[in-house]
Amino acid sequence: MRTLLIVGATSILKQARRGVKLPGWVISLMARRPYKVAAVALANKIARTIWALLVKGGTYQAPATMARA
């Protein structure tokens, strides 16, 4: 599972390199940290989001800033 999350996160970071708009914290993290460290941090955030959705029984709603991008 961890490997799949990291692969997904690296896919998102590759899109950022191609010019797709991402949240500011992801862009600043990529500027401050090596690529793989940023990928693991993003994978961690995705995992925490998944866990919270499973525990609370909710559905995912993208933030308003991401929905417009």
C-alpha atoms as a PDB file:
ATOM      1  CA  MET A   1       0.000   0.000   0.000  1.00  0.00           C
ATOM      2  CA  ARG A   2       2.810   2.378   0.879  1.00  0.00           C
ATOM      3  CA  THR A   3       4.443   1.835  -2.496  1.00  0.00           C
ATOM      4  CA  LEU A   4       1.208   2.580  -4.333  1.00  0.00           C
ATOM      5  CA  LEU A   5       0.716   5.801  -2.369  1.00  0.00           C
ATOM      6  CA  ILE A   6       4.257   6.936  -3.181  1.00  0.00           C
ATOM      7  CA  VAL A   7       3.826   6.081  -6.875  1.00  0.00           C
ATOM      8  CA  GLY A   8       0.613   8.122  -6.912  1.00  0.00           C
ATOM      9  CA  ALA A   9       2.323  11.024  -5.170  1.00  0.00           C
ATOM     10  CA  THR A  10       5.219  11.012  -7.640  1.00  0.00           C
ATOM     11  CA  SER A  11       2.663  11.089 -10.439  1.00  0.00           C
ATOM     12  CA  ILE A  12       1.132  14.221  -8.941  1.00  0.00           C
ATOM     13  CA  LEU A  13       4.562  15.836  -8.538  1.00  0.00           C
ATOM     14  CA  LYS A  14       5.406  15.062 -12.173  1.00  0.00           C
ATOM     15  CA  GLN A  15       2.266  16.948 -13.191  1.00  0.00           C
ATOM     16  CA  ALA A  16       3.484  19.915 -11.154  1.00  0.00           C
ATOM     17  CA  ARG A  17       6.734  19.905 -13.127  1.00  0.00           C
ATOM     18  CA  ARG A  18       4.667  20.058 -16.327  1.00  0.00           C
ATOM     19  CA  GLY A  19       2.823  23.157 -15.153  1.00  0.00           C
ATOM     20  CA  VAL A  20      -0.370  21.796 -13.570  1.00  0.00           C
ATOM     21  CA  LYS A  21      -1.400  23.993 -10.644  1.00  0.00           C
ATOM     22  CA  LEU A  22      -1.101  22.391  -7.220  1.00  0.00           C
ATOM     23  CA  PRO A  23      -1.606  23.760  -3.701  1.00  0.00           C
ATOM     24  CA  GLY A  24       1.039  26.198  -2.540  1.00  0.00           C
ATOM     25  CA  TRP A  25       2.340  23.913   0.188  1.00  0.00           C
ATOM     26  CA  VAL A  26       3.246  21.270  -2.412  1.00  0.00           C
ATOM     27  CA  ILE A  27       5.121  23.785  -4.561  1.00  0.00           C
ATOM     28  CA  SER A  28       7.022  25.198  -1.586  1.00  0.00           C
ATOM     29  CA  LEU A  29       7.814  21.683  -0.335  1.00  0.00           C
ATOM     30  CA  MET A  30       9.248  20.779  -3.732  1.00  0.00           C
ATOM     31  CA  ALA A  31      11.418  23.899  -3.594  1.00  0.00           C
ATOM     32  CA  ARG A  32      12.737  23.105  -0.105  1.00  0.00           C
ATOM     33  CA  ARG A  33      13.156  19.324  -0.162  1.00  0.00           C
ATOM     34  CA  PRO A  34      14.458  16.668  -2.538  1.00  0.00           C
ATOM     35  CA  TYR A  35      11.956  15.200  -4.992  1.00  0.00           C
ATOM     36  CA  LYS A  36      11.552  11.833  -3.263  1.00  0.00           C
ATOM     37  CA  VAL A  37      11.140  13.402   0.184  1.00  0.00           C
ATOM     38  CA  ALA A  38       8.367  15.607  -1.196  1.00  0.00           C
ATOM     39  CA  ALA A  39       6.734  12.534  -2.761  1.00  0.00           C
ATOM     40  CA  VAL A  40       6.742  10.686   0.576  1.00  0.00           C
ATOM     41  CA  ALA A  41       5.319  13.744   2.346  1.00  0.00           C
ATOM     42  CA  LEU A  42       2.503  13.978  -0.193  1.00  0.00           C
ATOM     43  CA  ALA A  43       1.860  10.229   0.083  1.00  0.00           C
ATOM     44  CA  ASN A  44       1.644  10.640   3.853  1.00  0.00           C
ATOM     45  CA  LYS A  45      -0.952  13.379   3.499  1.00  0.00           C
ATOM     46  CA  ILE A  46      -2.966  11.242   1.079  1.00  0.00           C
ATOM     47  CA  ALA A  47      -2.806   8.299   3.509  1.00  0.00           C
ATOM     48  CA  ARG A  48      -4.008  10.473   6.394  1.00  0.00           C
ATOM     49  CA  THR A  49      -6.887  11.753   4.261  1.00  0.00           C
ATOM     50  CA  ILE A  50      -7.893   8.200   3.332  1.00  0.00           C
ATOM     51  CA  TRP A  51      -7.722   7.106   6.967  1.00  0.00           C
ATOM     52  CA  ALA A  52      -9.898  10.019   8.115  1.00  0.00           C
ATOM     53  CA  LEU A  53     -12.489   9.254   5.431  1.00  0.00           C
ATOM     54  CA  LEU A  54     -12.606   5.596   6.430  1.00  0.00           C
ATOM     55  CA  VAL A  55     -12.914   6.350  10.148  1.00  0.00           C
ATOM     56  CA  LYS A  56     -15.565   9.050   9.767  1.00  0.00           C
ATOM     57  CA  GLY A  57     -17.415   7.352   6.921  1.00  0.00           C
ATOM     58  CA  GLY A  58     -17.443  10.474   4.761  1.00  0.00           C
ATOM     59  CA  THR A  59     -16.908  11.149   1.098  1.00  0.00           C
ATOM     60  CA  TYR A  60     -14.014  13.140  -0.333  1.00  0.00           C
ATOM     61  CA  GLN A  61     -14.693  16.686  -1.480  1.00  0.00           C
ATOM     62  CA  ALA A  62     -11.845  18.493  -3.182  1.00  0.00           C
ATOM     63  CA  PRO A  63     -10.969  21.925  -1.786  1.00  0.00           C
ATOM     64  CA  ALA A  64     -12.504  24.807  -3.710  1.00  0.00           C
ATOM     65  CA  THR A  65      -9.084  25.971  -4.977  1.00  0.00           C
ATOM     66  CA  MET A  66      -8.351  22.559  -6.515  1.00  0.00           C
ATOM     67  CA  ALA A  67     -11.817  22.169  -8.023  1.00  0.00           C
ATOM     68  CA  ARG A  68     -11.300  25.271 -10.189  1.00  0.00           C
ATOM     69  CA  ALA A  69      -7.849  24.216 -11.448  1.00  0.00           C
END
